[in-house]
Protein backbone atom coordinates (compact mmCIF):
# COMPACT_ATOMS: atom_id res chain seq x y z
CA UNK A 1 1.92 3.52 -20.46
CA UNK A 2 -1.12 4.66 -22.02
CA UNK A 3 -1.86 6.76 -18.78
CA UNK A 4 1.59 8.16 -19.05
CA UNK A 5 1.38 8.78 -22.68
CA UNK A 6 -1.55 10.61 -21.75
CA UNK A 7 -0.03 12.42 -18.69
CA UNK A 8 2.56 13.48 -21.27
CA UNK A 9 -0.08 14.83 -23.72
CA UNK A 10 -1.92 16.94 -21.37
CA UNK A 11 1.42 18.15 -19.98
CA UNK A 12 2.77 19.08 -23.59
CA UNK A 13 5.91 17.08 -22.79
CA UNK A 14 6.68 17.82 -26.04
CA UNK A 15 6.79 19.23 -29.77
CA UNK A 16 6.94 17.42 -33.03
CA UNK A 17 9.79 19.19 -35.05
CA UNK A 18 11.97 18.47 -37.75
CA UNK A 19 15.55 17.50 -36.82
CA UNK A 20 17.85 19.93 -37.54
CA UNK A 21 20.85 19.04 -40.41
CA UNK A 22 23.88 17.36 -38.61
CA UNK A 23 22.00 16.16 -35.58
CA UNK A 24 20.97 12.76 -34.17
CA UNK A 25 17.96 11.77 -32.42
CA UNK A 26 18.05 10.78 -28.70
CA UNK A 27 17.32 6.95 -28.10
CA UNK A 28 13.96 6.08 -25.38
CA UNK A 29 12.68 3.03 -23.94
CA UNK A 30 10.01 2.60 -21.41
CA UNK A 31 11.24 1.70 -17.62
CA UNK A 32 8.20 -0.22 -16.21
CA UNK A 33 7.86 -0.70 -12.55
CA UNK A 34 5.86 -2.43 -9.68
CA UNK A 35 5.09 0.39 -6.84
CA UNK A 36 4.86 -1.70 -3.52
CA UNK A 37 3.34 -1.06 0.05
CA UNK A 38 5.26 -1.26 3.36
CA UNK A 39 3.91 -4.95 3.49
CA UNK A 40 4.84 -5.92 0.06
CA UNK A 41 1.43 -6.23 -1.57
CA UNK A 42 1.00 -4.35 -5.09
CA UNK A 43 0.40 -0.66 -5.12
CA UNK A 44 0.01 -0.11 -8.58
CA UNK A 45 2.26 -0.67 -11.80
CA UNK A 46 3.98 2.52 -13.48
CA UNK A 47 5.67 3.49 -16.81
CA UNK A 48 7.71 5.78 -17.57
CA UNK A 49 9.46 6.95 -21.03
CA UNK A 50 13.00 8.02 -20.25
CA UNK A 51 16.00 9.13 -22.78
CA UNK A 52 18.62 6.09 -22.98
CA UNK A 53 21.52 7.26 -20.24
CA UNK A 54 24.40 6.74 -22.85
CA UNK A 55 23.28 9.73 -24.35
CA UNK A 56 22.69 12.18 -21.28
CA UNK A 57 25.13 14.39 -19.98
CA UNK A 58 26.18 13.70 -15.87
CA UNK A 59 24.07 16.40 -14.03
CA UNK A 60 26.07 18.83 -11.41
CA UNK A 61 25.50 18.56 -7.64
CA UNK A 62 24.03 22.07 -7.84
CA UNK A 63 21.10 23.39 -5.21
CA UNK A 64 20.36 26.39 -7.08
CA UNK A 65 19.26 24.16 -10.16
CA UNK A 66 17.64 21.53 -8.23
CA UNK A 67 15.48 24.46 -6.90
CA UNK A 68 14.80 26.13 -10.42
CA UNK A 69 14.20 22.55 -11.90
CA UNK A 70 11.32 22.05 -9.08
CA UNK A 71 9.77 25.43 -9.69
CA UNK A 72 9.88 24.76 -13.59
CA UNK A 73 8.18 21.37 -13.01
CA UNK A 74 5.40 22.97 -10.91
CA UNK A 75 4.76 25.46 -13.35
CA UNK A 76 4.61 23.42 -16.28
CA UNK A 77 3.31 19.99 -15.62
CA UNK A 78 0.01 18.89 -14.01
CA UNK A 79 1.47 17.15 -10.83
CA UNK A 80 -0.18 15.53 -7.96
CA UNK A 81 0.62 15.24 -4.58
CA UNK A 82 0.58 11.33 -3.68
CA UNK A 83 1.10 12.07 -0.03
CA UNK A 84 4.04 10.92 2.30
CA UNK A 85 6.17 7.96 1.34
CA UNK A 86 6.19 5.25 3.93
CA UNK A 87 8.07 2.59 1.76
CA UNK A 88 10.84 3.67 -1.09
CA UNK A 89 13.20 1.27 -2.80
CA UNK A 90 12.06 -1.54 -0.50
CA UNK A 91 13.09 0.46 2.57
CA UNK A 92 10.31 1.29 4.90
CA UNK A 93 10.56 5.07 6.16
CA UNK A 94 9.61 5.52 9.87
CA UNK A 95 8.84 9.28 10.73
CA UNK A 96 7.92 10.96 13.84
CA UNK A 97 7.49 14.71 13.55
CA UNK A 98 6.95 15.41 17.06
CA UNK A 99 10.89 14.21 18.05
CA UNK A 100 11.77 15.00 14.82
CA UNK A 101 13.19 11.51 14.49
CA UNK A 102 13.51 9.55 11.05
CA UNK A 103 14.66 6.09 10.72
CA UNK A 104 14.57 3.31 7.92
CA UNK A 105 13.82 -0.16 8.43
CA UNK A 106 14.91 -3.25 6.11
CA UNK A 107 12.70 -5.97 7.47
CA UNK A 108 10.68 -7.15 4.24
CA UNK A 109 13.95 -7.56 2.57
CA UNK A 110 15.68 -9.23 5.68
CA UNK A 111 12.63 -11.32 5.32
CA UNK A 112 12.97 -12.57 1.69
CA UNK A 113 16.92 -13.36 2.35
CA UNK A 114 16.44 -15.41 5.24
CA UNK A 115 13.36 -17.38 3.27
CA UNK A 116 15.76 -17.37 -0.14
CA UNK A 117 17.90 -19.24 2.10
CA UNK A 118 15.67 -21.24 4.17
CA UNK A 119 16.94 -19.49 7.20
CA UNK A 120 13.50 -17.98 7.98
CA UNK A 121 13.16 -20.11 11.11
CA UNK A 122 16.55 -18.99 12.90
CA UNK A 123 16.74 -17.11 16.30
CA UNK A 124 17.82 -13.53 16.56
CA UNK A 125 20.45 -12.66 18.67
CA UNK A 126 22.35 -9.38 19.83
CA UNK A 127 25.30 -8.21 18.14
CA UNK A 128 28.01 -5.86 19.39
CA UNK A 129 29.00 -3.15 16.82
């Protein structure tokens, strides 16, 4: 959390101001996550301070808005390139740029489920779709 707070201080994410009359503050909370590598081992711990969702309005599906938001973020925040992700939300990302192929694998998730139900020694078989 200290690293996240320091990042917000460096990027001047907020200014302390008096609350205008007739307005309410927006609640916030810390989201704590464990970022894992493709093999399931811990890569790092992450902390993020976010506004509580019930006080936010739903976003539109607007490409121009996304482009403008990205440009604004690049101009206003110190950002670091963490490189290409190969593991996102428990899904392994498989890329072959030369063949223009993109694939996903849930192998680790499937292994965990099989172990949970003590079926990890089962033999796989082909299934027609």
